[in-house]
Amino acid sequence: MGCEGTPFTGHVLVTFTGSLAKLGVSDYTFVIKYQDYGLPVRTESLTNGLVVEHGGRLEIHGSSKTSWTRLAGDAESGSTVLQLEQHPVGWTKGDQLLVASTTSRKEESEYVTIAAVREKQVVLASGLLHDHVGHWTGRGS
C-alpha cells in the first residue's frame, strides 16, 4: 500500500469479523505447518489476522510521523497540555497517542486524543487521568 516515493495518505480501517464459536473451525482458520518450510515440527492456527506467508513481503508506506518522543516536563493528572522534547512531525488534531505510565502501574498508561499541536506543545481533547513524570528517563540516567 503506497510506496516510498508516494506514501498512502488516506485512512484505512481493517475490521476483522467472526465469533468465538468459529475459532478452530478449519473453514475460518489459517493453519501454518512449520515443517512445510523446513523448520522444526510445529503447527499454529491463526484467526483474525493479517498474514504474510513464508517468502512474502508486506509493505505499507504512509505519511511521515514522529513515532514517539519524551515529555519535556511533568504532566499532572487533569492537565490538557503535554510539553514535548521535540516538535512532533505529522501529528494532527484527532490523532490518538498513548502516554506511557511512568510508574510501575501499567494501568496508568492512557490513550489521549490530540486537540491541537503548537511546536513542542500538544493540547489534549480531555485531561489526563494520571500523573506522568517527564524529568526521569529511566534506569541509569
N, C-alpha and C. Protein backbone atom coordinates (compact mmCIF):
# COMPACT_ATOMS: atom_id res chain seq x y z
N MET A 1 0.86 -1.15 0.00
CA MET A 1 0.00 0.00 0.00
C MET A 1 0.91 1.22 0.00
N GLY A 2 0.77 2.08 -0.95
CA GLY A 2 1.66 3.20 -1.10
C GLY A 2 3.06 2.72 -1.48
N CYS A 3 3.99 3.64 -1.63
CA CYS A 3 5.39 3.28 -1.87
C CYS A 3 6.24 4.39 -1.26
N GLU A 4 7.54 4.16 -1.18
CA GLU A 4 8.40 5.14 -0.55
C GLU A 4 8.28 6.51 -1.20
N GLY A 5 8.23 6.53 -2.52
CA GLY A 5 8.14 7.80 -3.24
C GLY A 5 6.78 8.45 -3.18
N THR A 6 5.73 7.66 -3.03
CA THR A 6 4.37 8.17 -2.97
C THR A 6 3.62 7.45 -1.85
N PRO A 7 3.81 7.90 -0.61
CA PRO A 7 3.16 7.21 0.50
C PRO A 7 1.65 7.37 0.48
N PHE A 8 0.96 6.38 1.00
CA PHE A 8 -0.50 6.41 1.13
C PHE A 8 -0.85 7.44 2.20
N THR A 9 -1.71 8.39 1.89
CA THR A 9 -2.07 9.44 2.85
C THR A 9 -3.52 9.39 3.28
N GLY A 10 -4.25 8.39 2.81
CA GLY A 10 -5.66 8.26 3.20
C GLY A 10 -5.80 7.56 4.54
N HIS A 11 -6.99 7.09 4.80
CA HIS A 11 -7.27 6.36 6.03
C HIS A 11 -7.68 4.94 5.67
N VAL A 12 -7.25 3.99 6.47
CA VAL A 12 -7.61 2.59 6.27
C VAL A 12 -8.23 2.07 7.55
N LEU A 13 -9.33 1.38 7.42
CA LEU A 13 -9.95 0.73 8.55
C LEU A 13 -10.05 -0.75 8.21
N VAL A 14 -9.37 -1.57 8.98
CA VAL A 14 -9.42 -3.01 8.77
C VAL A 14 -10.27 -3.58 9.89
N THR A 15 -11.33 -4.28 9.54
CA THR A 15 -12.23 -4.86 10.53
C THR A 15 -12.21 -6.37 10.38
N PHE A 16 -11.82 -7.03 11.44
CA PHE A 16 -11.86 -8.50 11.44
C PHE A 16 -13.16 -8.93 12.09
N THR A 17 -13.86 -9.85 11.46
CA THR A 17 -15.14 -10.29 11.98
C THR A 17 -15.09 -11.78 12.29
N GLY A 18 -16.05 -12.23 13.01
CA GLY A 18 -16.11 -13.65 13.37
C GLY A 18 -16.68 -13.79 14.77
N SER A 19 -16.64 -14.98 15.27
CA SER A 19 -17.15 -15.22 16.61
C SER A 19 -16.29 -16.29 17.28
N LEU A 20 -16.37 -16.33 18.59
CA LEU A 20 -15.61 -17.34 19.34
C LEU A 20 -16.00 -18.75 18.92
N ALA A 21 -17.25 -18.92 18.50
CA ALA A 21 -17.72 -20.25 18.10
C ALA A 21 -16.97 -20.76 16.87
N LYS A 22 -16.42 -19.85 16.04
CA LYS A 22 -15.73 -20.26 14.82
C LYS A 22 -14.24 -20.49 15.02
N LEU A 23 -13.72 -20.18 16.21
CA LEU A 23 -12.31 -20.44 16.47
C LEU A 23 -12.03 -21.94 16.37
N GLY A 24 -11.03 -22.30 15.64
CA GLY A 24 -10.68 -23.70 15.47
C GLY A 24 -11.43 -24.40 14.34
N VAL A 25 -12.44 -23.78 13.76
CA VAL A 25 -13.16 -24.35 12.63
C VAL A 25 -12.31 -24.12 11.39
N SER A 26 -11.94 -25.19 10.70
CA SER A 26 -10.96 -25.10 9.61
C SER A 26 -11.36 -24.13 8.49
N ASP A 27 -12.64 -23.94 8.24
CA ASP A 27 -13.06 -23.00 7.20
C ASP A 27 -12.74 -21.55 7.57
N TYR A 28 -12.48 -21.26 8.85
CA TYR A 28 -12.25 -19.90 9.31
C TYR A 28 -10.87 -19.73 9.94
N THR A 29 -9.99 -20.69 9.76
CA THR A 29 -8.69 -20.68 10.41
C THR A 29 -7.58 -20.87 9.39
N PHE A 30 -6.50 -20.14 9.56
CA PHE A 30 -5.31 -20.28 8.73
C PHE A 30 -4.31 -21.11 9.53
N VAL A 31 -3.91 -22.24 9.00
CA VAL A 31 -3.00 -23.15 9.70
C VAL A 31 -1.61 -23.08 9.08
N ILE A 32 -0.61 -22.89 9.92
CA ILE A 32 0.78 -22.88 9.47
C ILE A 32 1.46 -24.14 10.00
N LYS A 33 2.00 -24.93 9.09
CA LYS A 33 2.77 -26.13 9.46
C LYS A 33 4.23 -25.80 9.17
N TYR A 34 4.97 -25.52 10.22
CA TYR A 34 6.36 -25.07 10.07
C TYR A 34 7.23 -26.08 9.33
N GLN A 35 6.95 -27.37 9.48
CA GLN A 35 7.75 -28.39 8.79
C GLN A 35 7.65 -28.26 7.28
N ASP A 36 6.57 -27.64 6.76
CA ASP A 36 6.44 -27.42 5.32
C ASP A 36 7.50 -26.45 4.80
N TYR A 37 8.11 -25.70 5.70
CA TYR A 37 9.11 -24.70 5.32
C TYR A 37 10.51 -25.10 5.81
N GLY A 38 10.69 -26.38 6.15
CA GLY A 38 11.98 -26.87 6.58
C GLY A 38 12.33 -26.49 8.01
N LEU A 39 11.34 -26.12 8.78
CA LEU A 39 11.57 -25.72 10.17
C LEU A 39 11.15 -26.86 11.10
N PRO A 40 11.52 -26.80 12.38
CA PRO A 40 11.11 -27.84 13.32
C PRO A 40 9.59 -28.02 13.33
N VAL A 41 9.15 -29.24 13.61
CA VAL A 41 7.73 -29.56 13.59
C VAL A 41 6.99 -28.72 14.62
N ARG A 42 6.05 -27.96 14.12
CA ARG A 42 5.22 -27.10 14.96
C ARG A 42 4.05 -26.63 14.10
N THR A 43 2.88 -26.54 14.68
CA THR A 43 1.72 -26.07 13.94
C THR A 43 1.07 -24.93 14.72
N GLU A 44 0.68 -23.89 14.00
CA GLU A 44 -0.05 -22.78 14.61
C GLU A 44 -1.32 -22.56 13.82
N SER A 45 -2.38 -22.21 14.51
CA SER A 45 -3.64 -21.85 13.88
C SER A 45 -3.90 -20.38 14.16
N LEU A 46 -4.17 -19.64 13.11
CA LEU A 46 -4.41 -18.20 13.25
C LEU A 46 -5.81 -17.84 12.79
N THR A 47 -6.44 -16.93 13.49
CA THR A 47 -7.72 -16.38 13.06
C THR A 47 -7.65 -14.87 13.23
N ASN A 48 -8.42 -14.15 12.44
CA ASN A 48 -8.47 -12.70 12.53
C ASN A 48 -7.10 -12.05 12.55
N GLY A 49 -6.36 -12.21 11.48
CA GLY A 49 -5.05 -11.59 11.40
C GLY A 49 -4.69 -11.24 9.98
N LEU A 50 -3.67 -10.43 9.85
CA LEU A 50 -3.10 -10.08 8.58
C LEU A 50 -1.85 -10.94 8.44
N VAL A 51 -1.85 -11.85 7.48
CA VAL A 51 -0.79 -12.85 7.38
C VAL A 51 -0.01 -12.66 6.09
N VAL A 52 1.32 -12.68 6.22
CA VAL A 52 2.20 -12.69 5.07
C VAL A 52 2.91 -14.04 5.11
N GLU A 53 2.72 -14.83 4.06
CA GLU A 53 3.27 -16.18 4.05
C GLU A 53 4.77 -16.18 3.89
N HIS A 54 5.36 -17.32 4.21
CA HIS A 54 6.81 -17.52 4.11
C HIS A 54 7.30 -17.07 2.73
N GLY A 55 8.31 -16.22 2.73
CA GLY A 55 8.85 -15.70 1.48
C GLY A 55 8.12 -14.47 0.97
N GLY A 56 6.99 -14.13 1.59
CA GLY A 56 6.23 -12.96 1.16
C GLY A 56 6.74 -11.68 1.79
N ARG A 57 6.19 -10.58 1.39
CA ARG A 57 6.62 -9.29 1.93
C ARG A 57 5.42 -8.35 1.95
N LEU A 58 5.21 -7.70 3.05
CA LEU A 58 4.15 -6.70 3.18
C LEU A 58 4.81 -5.35 3.37
N GLU A 59 4.47 -4.41 2.51
CA GLU A 59 4.99 -3.06 2.65
C GLU A 59 3.83 -2.10 2.75
N ILE A 60 3.86 -1.28 3.78
CA ILE A 60 2.85 -0.24 3.96
C ILE A 60 3.61 1.06 4.17
N HIS A 61 3.43 1.99 3.26
CA HIS A 61 4.11 3.28 3.34
C HIS A 61 3.07 4.37 3.54
N GLY A 62 3.17 5.06 4.64
CA GLY A 62 2.24 6.14 4.92
C GLY A 62 2.97 7.45 5.13
N SER A 63 2.23 8.44 5.56
CA SER A 63 2.81 9.75 5.81
C SER A 63 3.83 9.66 6.94
N SER A 64 4.84 10.49 6.86
CA SER A 64 5.89 10.52 7.87
C SER A 64 5.33 11.10 9.17
N LYS A 65 5.53 10.39 10.28
CA LYS A 65 5.07 10.86 11.59
C LYS A 65 6.12 10.51 12.64
N THR A 66 6.25 11.36 13.62
CA THR A 66 7.08 11.04 14.78
C THR A 66 6.41 9.87 15.49
N SER A 67 7.14 8.78 15.69
CA SER A 67 6.53 7.60 16.30
C SER A 67 6.49 7.68 17.82
N TRP A 68 7.45 8.38 18.42
CA TRP A 68 7.45 8.55 19.87
C TRP A 68 8.37 9.70 20.23
N THR A 69 8.17 10.23 21.42
CA THR A 69 9.04 11.27 21.95
C THR A 69 8.91 11.25 23.47
N ARG A 70 9.66 12.12 24.11
CA ARG A 70 9.63 12.21 25.57
C ARG A 70 8.96 13.50 26.01
N LEU A 71 8.41 13.46 27.21
CA LEU A 71 7.89 14.68 27.82
C LEU A 71 9.06 15.56 28.22
N ALA A 72 8.91 16.87 28.05
CA ALA A 72 9.95 17.81 28.47
C ALA A 72 9.77 18.19 29.94
N GLY A 73 8.61 17.91 30.48
CA GLY A 73 8.32 18.21 31.88
C GLY A 73 7.20 17.32 32.36
N ASP A 74 6.93 17.39 33.64
CA ASP A 74 5.87 16.56 34.21
C ASP A 74 4.50 16.97 33.66
N ALA A 75 3.62 15.99 33.52
CA ALA A 75 2.25 16.22 33.09
C ALA A 75 1.35 15.67 34.21
N GLU A 76 0.69 16.56 34.90
CA GLU A 76 -0.11 16.16 36.06
C GLU A 76 -1.51 15.72 35.66
N SER A 77 -2.08 14.91 36.51
CA SER A 77 -3.47 14.47 36.33
C SER A 77 -4.35 15.70 36.12
N GLY A 78 -5.23 15.64 35.11
CA GLY A 78 -6.12 16.75 34.80
C GLY A 78 -5.56 17.70 33.75
N SER A 79 -4.26 17.64 33.52
CA SER A 79 -3.63 18.53 32.54
C SER A 79 -4.13 18.22 31.13
N THR A 80 -4.28 19.27 30.33
CA THR A 80 -4.69 19.10 28.93
C THR A 80 -3.57 19.51 27.98
N VAL A 81 -2.36 19.68 28.51
CA VAL A 81 -1.22 20.08 27.69
C VAL A 81 -0.02 19.19 27.99
N LEU A 82 0.63 18.70 26.93
CA LEU A 82 1.88 17.95 27.06
C LEU A 82 3.00 18.81 26.48
N GLN A 83 4.05 19.03 27.25
CA GLN A 83 5.25 19.71 26.76
C GLN A 83 6.22 18.62 26.32
N LEU A 84 6.63 18.64 25.05
CA LEU A 84 7.48 17.59 24.50
C LEU A 84 8.91 18.06 24.29
N GLU A 85 9.85 17.11 24.23
CA GLU A 85 11.25 17.44 23.97
C GLU A 85 11.48 17.89 22.54
N GLN A 86 10.65 17.42 21.61
CA GLN A 86 10.82 17.78 20.21
C GLN A 86 9.47 18.08 19.58
N HIS A 87 9.50 18.82 18.48
CA HIS A 87 8.27 19.10 17.74
C HIS A 87 7.87 17.82 17.00
N PRO A 88 6.68 17.28 17.25
CA PRO A 88 6.27 16.04 16.60
C PRO A 88 5.88 16.28 15.13
N VAL A 89 6.46 15.51 14.24
CA VAL A 89 6.18 15.63 12.81
C VAL A 89 4.92 14.84 12.47
N GLY A 90 3.98 15.47 11.78
CA GLY A 90 2.81 14.76 11.26
C GLY A 90 1.69 14.54 12.25
N TRP A 91 1.81 14.99 13.49
CA TRP A 91 0.73 14.83 14.45
C TRP A 91 -0.32 15.89 14.19
N THR A 92 -1.59 15.48 14.15
CA THR A 92 -2.67 16.42 13.85
C THR A 92 -3.86 16.21 14.78
N LYS A 93 -4.74 17.18 14.78
CA LYS A 93 -5.97 17.12 15.57
C LYS A 93 -6.71 15.82 15.25
N GLY A 94 -7.14 15.11 16.32
CA GLY A 94 -7.87 13.86 16.15
C GLY A 94 -7.01 12.62 16.27
N ASP A 95 -5.68 12.78 16.12
CA ASP A 95 -4.78 11.63 16.29
C ASP A 95 -4.84 11.16 17.74
N GLN A 96 -4.64 9.86 17.95
CA GLN A 96 -4.58 9.32 19.30
C GLN A 96 -3.14 9.01 19.66
N LEU A 97 -2.81 9.26 20.92
CA LEU A 97 -1.49 8.96 21.47
C LEU A 97 -1.64 8.03 22.66
N LEU A 98 -0.59 7.28 22.93
CA LEU A 98 -0.52 6.51 24.16
C LEU A 98 0.52 7.18 25.04
N VAL A 99 0.09 7.70 26.16
CA VAL A 99 1.02 8.29 27.12
C VAL A 99 1.35 7.17 28.10
N ALA A 100 2.61 6.74 28.06
CA ALA A 100 3.04 5.59 28.86
C ALA A 100 3.08 5.93 30.34
N SER A 101 2.82 4.93 31.15
CA SER A 101 2.93 5.07 32.59
C SER A 101 4.38 5.35 32.95
N THR A 102 4.59 6.19 33.95
CA THR A 102 5.94 6.44 34.45
C THR A 102 6.10 5.88 35.86
N THR A 103 5.19 4.99 36.21
CA THR A 103 5.30 4.27 37.49
C THR A 103 5.31 2.78 37.15
N SER A 104 5.32 1.97 38.17
CA SER A 104 5.28 0.52 37.94
C SER A 104 3.87 0.03 37.66
N ARG A 105 2.89 0.93 37.64
CA ARG A 105 1.49 0.56 37.43
C ARG A 105 1.13 0.74 35.95
N LYS A 106 1.13 -0.38 35.20
CA LYS A 106 0.86 -0.30 33.75
C LYS A 106 -0.51 0.28 33.44
N GLU A 107 -1.46 0.17 34.38
CA GLU A 107 -2.81 0.70 34.13
C GLU A 107 -2.82 2.23 34.10
N GLU A 108 -1.70 2.87 34.44
CA GLU A 108 -1.62 4.33 34.35
C GLU A 108 -1.22 4.80 32.95
N SER A 109 -0.94 3.87 32.04
CA SER A 109 -0.78 4.24 30.63
C SER A 109 -2.16 4.62 30.12
N GLU A 110 -2.24 5.65 29.30
CA GLU A 110 -3.57 6.09 28.87
C GLU A 110 -3.55 6.63 27.45
N TYR A 111 -4.65 6.38 26.74
CA TYR A 111 -4.83 6.92 25.40
C TYR A 111 -5.43 8.32 25.52
N VAL A 112 -4.91 9.22 24.70
CA VAL A 112 -5.42 10.59 24.66
C VAL A 112 -5.64 10.99 23.21
N THR A 113 -6.48 11.98 22.99
CA THR A 113 -6.75 12.48 21.64
C THR A 113 -6.22 13.90 21.53
N ILE A 114 -5.54 14.18 20.42
CA ILE A 114 -4.96 15.50 20.19
C ILE A 114 -6.04 16.49 19.76
N ALA A 115 -6.05 17.66 20.43
CA ALA A 115 -6.95 18.75 20.03
C ALA A 115 -6.19 19.75 19.16
N ALA A 116 -4.88 19.92 19.44
CA ALA A 116 -4.06 20.86 18.66
C ALA A 116 -2.59 20.58 18.92
N VAL A 117 -1.75 20.97 17.96
CA VAL A 117 -0.30 20.86 18.11
C VAL A 117 0.30 22.23 17.84
N ARG A 118 1.11 22.71 18.79
CA ARG A 118 1.78 24.02 18.65
C ARG A 118 3.25 23.82 18.98
N GLU A 119 4.08 23.68 17.93
CA GLU A 119 5.52 23.43 18.10
C GLU A 119 5.74 22.20 18.98
N LYS A 120 6.33 22.38 20.18
CA LYS A 120 6.62 21.26 21.07
C LYS A 120 5.51 21.03 22.10
N GLN A 121 4.37 21.64 21.88
CA GLN A 121 3.26 21.54 22.82
C GLN A 121 2.08 20.83 22.15
N VAL A 122 1.52 19.84 22.84
CA VAL A 122 0.34 19.14 22.34
C VAL A 122 -0.82 19.42 23.29
N VAL A 123 -1.91 19.93 22.75
CA VAL A 123 -3.11 20.19 23.53
C VAL A 123 -4.02 18.98 23.38
N LEU A 124 -4.51 18.48 24.49
CA LEU A 124 -5.35 17.27 24.51
C LEU A 124 -6.83 17.63 24.53
N ALA A 125 -7.65 16.75 23.99
CA ALA A 125 -9.10 16.96 23.97
C ALA A 125 -9.71 16.84 25.37
N SER A 126 -9.06 16.11 26.25
CA SER A 126 -9.53 15.99 27.64
C SER A 126 -8.32 15.80 28.55
N GLY A 127 -8.54 16.02 29.83
CA GLY A 127 -7.45 15.96 30.79
C GLY A 127 -6.92 14.56 31.04
N LEU A 128 -5.65 14.51 31.44
CA LEU A 128 -5.02 13.23 31.80
C LEU A 128 -5.66 12.66 33.05
N LEU A 129 -5.71 11.34 33.13
CA LEU A 129 -6.27 10.68 34.31
C LEU A 129 -5.21 10.44 35.37
N HIS A 130 -3.93 10.43 34.96
CA HIS A 130 -2.83 10.10 35.87
C HIS A 130 -1.68 11.09 35.71
N ASP A 131 -0.82 11.16 36.73
CA ASP A 131 0.40 11.94 36.64
C ASP A 131 1.40 11.19 35.76
N HIS A 132 2.18 11.93 34.97
CA HIS A 132 3.24 11.36 34.14
C HIS A 132 4.49 12.18 34.35
N VAL A 133 5.55 11.52 34.83
CA VAL A 133 6.80 12.20 35.15
C VAL A 133 7.60 12.42 33.87
N GLY A 134 8.02 13.65 33.63
CA GLY A 134 8.75 13.97 32.41
C GLY A 134 10.23 14.17 32.61
N HIS A 135 10.69 14.32 33.86
CA HIS A 135 12.10 14.61 34.11
C HIS A 135 12.96 13.37 34.32
N TRP A 136 12.37 12.20 34.44
CA TRP A 136 13.11 10.96 34.69
C TRP A 136 13.07 10.11 33.43
N THR A 137 14.23 9.74 32.91
CA THR A 137 14.26 8.99 31.65
C THR A 137 14.58 7.52 31.82
N GLY A 138 14.61 7.04 33.04
CA GLY A 138 14.81 5.60 33.24
C GLY A 138 16.04 5.28 34.02
N ARG A 139 16.23 3.99 34.22
CA ARG A 139 17.34 3.47 34.97
C ARG A 139 18.67 3.93 34.37
N GLY A 140 19.58 4.38 35.22
CA GLY A 140 20.92 4.73 34.76
C GLY A 140 21.04 6.15 34.25
N SER A 141 19.98 6.92 34.33
CA SER A 141 20.06 8.30 33.82
C SER A 141 20.62 9.25 34.85
